[in-house]
Amino acid sequence: MRGGGLTSKVKVLYILACVSATFLGLTLITSVVTPIYRFHGVVEGEVALLWYLLSYYGEVVRVASLDAVRVLTIPLFMLSTFLIASSAYALLTYVFKKFNSLLSAVELLLGGGLASVAMSTLLLSIVRILTTEVSGLSVDNVFYTSAGLVNFGRTYYHVNSLTSTLLNPLTVMALNTINALLAGATYVLLTSEDEL
């Protein structure tokens, strides 16, 4: 960076890395807060990664495995907050021409990008656990007895298409990989310019 200036290639990559980190952070927050499943019937309510509210015949119920999912989701929420904050710091560093702090900002973006790739397996595992638990909640309460057929009602659930798309394994891996690659490429180009 002779004289504190950046080449146009580094500027473009820097901005793309910031936008990518912000987009990934917002996508993660949306994924963990927005309900994935809505239940109707005997079981009523909604289930998201970070929270759930279910009632069985009008009584609010707690499900231990869904409580565990909530706890496991906290690091993902913290990562999304870090991605947005580091991106904001990087953008402000660029806007206010604090060129001596650009490398620190890119290091934060790179750390967040690498952490997001590592956390993607946690996210996909949590979604798998949630899917298994939800399939156990949507049952037909119809029983055959010696007195005949007893129908206590059915439970239906609806999958939210937005969160279903955001939590698709291909989407998760692609967004996380693109974010890490952009941050890594920006870091490499910025450090190579520093040496000039």
Protein backbone atom coordinates (compact mmCIF):
# COMPACT_ATOMS: atom_id res chain seq x y z
CA MET A 1 0.00 0.00 0.00
CA ARG A 2 2.25 2.78 -1.20
CA GLY A 3 1.13 6.05 0.25
CA GLY A 4 -1.87 4.45 1.95
CA GLY A 5 -3.73 3.70 -1.29
CA LEU A 6 -5.30 0.43 -2.37
CA THR A 7 -5.45 -1.07 -5.81
CA SER A 8 -8.89 -1.40 -7.35
CA LYS A 9 -8.70 -5.20 -7.11
CA VAL A 10 -8.15 -5.05 -3.35
CA LYS A 11 -10.90 -2.44 -2.95
CA VAL A 12 -13.42 -4.62 -4.77
CA LEU A 13 -12.45 -7.75 -2.82
CA TYR A 14 -12.51 -5.82 0.45
CA ILE A 15 -16.03 -4.53 -0.18
CA LEU A 16 -17.20 -7.98 -1.36
CA ALA A 17 -15.77 -9.61 1.77
CA CYS A 18 -17.61 -7.07 3.95
CA VAL A 19 -20.89 -7.54 2.08
CA SER A 20 -20.50 -11.32 2.18
CA ALA A 21 -19.89 -11.33 5.95
CA THR A 22 -22.89 -9.06 6.54
CA PHE A 23 -25.12 -11.18 4.31
CA LEU A 24 -23.99 -14.40 6.01
CA GLY A 25 -24.54 -12.89 9.47
CA LEU A 26 -28.05 -11.72 8.58
CA THR A 27 -28.80 -15.09 6.98
CA LEU A 28 -27.70 -16.90 10.15
CA ILE A 29 -29.80 -14.65 12.37
CA THR A 30 -32.81 -15.17 10.12
CA SER A 31 -32.23 -18.93 10.13
CA VAL A 32 -32.06 -19.29 13.90
CA VAL A 33 -34.88 -16.88 14.80
CA THR A 34 -37.50 -17.58 12.11
CA PRO A 35 -39.80 -20.55 12.80
CA ILE A 36 -39.02 -23.59 10.67
CA TYR A 37 -42.12 -25.59 11.60
CA ARG A 38 -45.70 -24.57 12.38
CA PHE A 39 -47.98 -27.13 14.02
CA HIS A 40 -51.77 -27.38 13.79
CA GLY A 41 -54.11 -29.87 15.40
CA VAL A 42 -53.57 -31.63 18.71
CA VAL A 43 -50.13 -30.03 18.94
CA GLU A 44 -50.21 -26.27 18.20
CA GLY A 45 -47.30 -23.88 17.95
CA GLU A 46 -44.05 -23.01 16.23
CA VAL A 47 -40.49 -24.29 16.37
CA ALA A 48 -37.37 -22.31 15.45
CA LEU A 49 -33.76 -23.16 16.19
CA LEU A 50 -33.45 -20.58 18.98
CA TRP A 51 -36.94 -20.89 20.46
CA TYR A 52 -40.16 -22.87 20.40
CA LEU A 53 -43.68 -22.59 21.74
CA LEU A 54 -45.80 -25.74 21.69
CA SER A 55 -49.06 -26.66 23.31
CA TYR A 56 -50.67 -30.08 23.56
CA TYR A 57 -54.45 -29.90 23.93
CA GLY A 58 -54.03 -26.27 25.01
CA GLU A 59 -51.35 -26.91 27.65
CA VAL A 60 -47.88 -25.45 27.04
CA VAL A 61 -45.32 -28.24 26.91
CA ARG A 62 -41.53 -28.38 27.22
CA VAL A 63 -39.46 -30.79 25.15
CA ALA A 64 -35.99 -31.55 26.54
CA SER A 65 -34.39 -32.17 23.15
CA LEU A 66 -35.74 -28.87 21.79
CA ASP A 67 -34.31 -27.12 24.86
CA ALA A 68 -30.94 -28.68 24.02
CA VAL A 69 -31.23 -27.40 20.44
CA ARG A 70 -31.77 -23.89 21.82
CA VAL A 71 -28.57 -24.09 23.85
CA LEU A 72 -26.59 -25.46 20.90
CA THR A 73 -27.84 -22.61 18.71
CA ILE A 74 -26.38 -19.87 20.93
CA PRO A 75 -22.86 -20.11 19.37
CA LEU A 76 -24.42 -19.67 15.92
CA PHE A 77 -26.22 -16.55 17.08
CA MET A 78 -22.98 -15.22 18.56
CA LEU A 79 -21.12 -15.99 15.31
CA SER A 80 -23.70 -14.10 13.27
CA THR A 81 -23.36 -11.11 15.60
CA PHE A 82 -19.57 -11.26 15.25
CA LEU A 83 -19.79 -11.43 11.45
CA ILE A 84 -22.02 -8.35 11.29
CA ALA A 85 -19.91 -6.41 13.81
CA SER A 86 -16.59 -7.25 12.11
CA SER A 87 -18.06 -6.33 8.74
CA ALA A 88 -19.28 -3.00 10.11
CA TYR A 89 -15.83 -2.35 11.60
CA ALA A 90 -14.16 -3.23 8.29
CA LEU A 91 -16.49 -0.96 6.31
CA LEU A 92 -16.03 1.94 8.72
CA THR A 93 -12.26 1.45 8.58
CA TYR A 94 -12.44 1.68 4.79
CA VAL A 95 -14.86 4.61 4.67
CA PHE A 96 -12.84 6.70 7.13
CA LYS A 97 -9.58 5.83 5.33
CA LYS A 98 -7.93 4.22 8.35
CA PHE A 99 -5.56 2.30 6.09
CA ASN A 100 -3.28 1.28 8.96
CA SER A 101 -6.23 -0.65 10.48
CA LEU A 102 -7.33 -2.40 7.27
CA LEU A 103 -5.22 -5.49 7.94
CA SER A 104 -6.75 -5.90 11.42
CA ALA A 105 -10.23 -5.55 9.92
CA VAL A 106 -9.50 -8.17 7.27
CA GLU A 107 -8.08 -10.50 9.92
CA LEU A 108 -11.39 -10.24 11.77
CA LEU A 109 -13.29 -11.01 8.55
CA LEU A 110 -11.01 -13.99 7.88
CA GLY A 111 -11.45 -15.31 11.42
CA GLY A 112 -15.22 -15.01 11.10
CA GLY A 113 -15.16 -16.69 7.70
CA LEU A 114 -13.13 -19.65 8.94
CA ALA A 115 -15.31 -19.95 12.05
CA SER A 116 -18.44 -19.94 9.90
CA VAL A 117 -17.12 -22.86 7.83
CA ALA A 118 -16.39 -24.80 11.02
CA MET A 119 -19.78 -23.90 12.52
CA SER A 120 -21.68 -24.98 9.41
CA THR A 121 -21.42 -28.61 10.54
CA LEU A 122 -22.91 -27.64 13.90
CA LEU A 123 -25.77 -25.85 12.16
CA LEU A 124 -26.51 -28.81 9.90
CA SER A 125 -26.36 -31.22 12.87
CA ILE A 126 -28.78 -29.08 14.86
CA VAL A 127 -31.19 -29.00 11.91
CA ARG A 128 -30.97 -32.80 11.69
CA ILE A 129 -31.82 -33.17 15.39
CA LEU A 130 -34.71 -30.75 15.03
CA THR A 131 -36.09 -32.59 12.00
CA THR A 132 -36.00 -35.89 13.90
CA GLU A 133 -37.79 -34.39 16.89
CA VAL A 134 -40.45 -32.71 14.75
CA SER A 135 -41.24 -35.95 12.96
CA GLY A 136 -41.94 -37.47 16.38
CA LEU A 137 -44.35 -34.66 17.25
CA SER A 138 -46.50 -35.00 14.15
CA VAL A 139 -48.40 -38.17 14.87
CA ASP A 140 -51.91 -39.38 14.39
CA ASN A 141 -53.56 -39.94 17.75
CA VAL A 142 -55.73 -42.72 16.42
CA PHE A 143 -55.77 -45.97 18.37
CA TYR A 144 -57.39 -49.31 17.75
CA THR A 145 -58.82 -50.82 20.91
CA SER A 146 -61.09 -53.71 21.73
CA ALA A 147 -63.90 -51.15 21.91
CA GLY A 148 -63.16 -49.92 18.40
CA LEU A 149 -61.36 -47.00 16.82
CA VAL A 150 -60.53 -44.09 19.15
CA ASN A 151 -59.53 -40.83 17.45
CA PHE A 152 -57.89 -38.23 19.70
CA GLY A 153 -57.03 -35.98 16.77
CA ARG A 154 -54.15 -35.48 14.40
CA THR A 155 -51.20 -33.12 14.26
CA TYR A 156 -50.11 -31.51 11.03
CA TYR A 157 -47.06 -29.39 10.47
CA HIS A 158 -46.00 -26.93 7.80
CA VAL A 159 -42.37 -26.26 6.83
CA ASN A 160 -41.42 -22.60 6.30
CA SER A 161 -39.98 -22.43 2.79
CA LEU A 162 -37.63 -19.50 3.55
CA THR A 163 -35.87 -21.16 6.46
CA SER A 164 -35.96 -24.50 4.69
CA THR A 165 -34.03 -22.93 1.80
CA LEU A 166 -31.61 -21.10 4.09
CA LEU A 167 -30.91 -24.29 6.06
CA ASN A 168 -30.43 -26.47 2.99
CA PRO A 169 -26.97 -28.09 3.33
CA LEU A 170 -25.89 -26.88 -0.11
CA THR A 171 -26.93 -23.29 0.69
CA VAL A 172 -25.20 -23.37 4.08
CA MET A 173 -21.93 -24.76 2.72
CA ALA A 174 -21.92 -22.45 -0.32
CA LEU A 175 -22.52 -19.26 1.67
CA ASN A 176 -19.92 -20.15 4.30
CA THR A 177 -17.30 -21.19 1.74
CA ILE A 178 -17.80 -18.08 -0.41
CA ASN A 179 -17.48 -15.88 2.68
CA ALA A 180 -14.26 -17.59 3.81
CA LEU A 181 -12.74 -17.51 0.31
CA LEU A 182 -13.48 -13.80 -0.16
CA ALA A 183 -11.98 -12.96 3.23
CA GLY A 184 -8.95 -15.16 2.54
CA ALA A 185 -8.35 -13.66 -0.91
CA THR A 186 -8.65 -10.15 0.51
CA TYR A 187 -6.18 -10.99 3.26
CA VAL A 188 -3.65 -12.44 0.80
CA LEU A 189 -3.90 -9.47 -1.58
CA LEU A 190 -3.76 -6.93 1.24
CA THR A 191 -0.69 -8.51 2.83
CA SER A 192 1.05 -8.79 -0.54
CA GLU A 193 0.41 -5.07 -1.13
CA ASP A 194 1.80 -4.29 2.31
CA GLU A 195 5.09 -5.89 1.29
CA LEU A 196 5.44 -3.70 -1.81
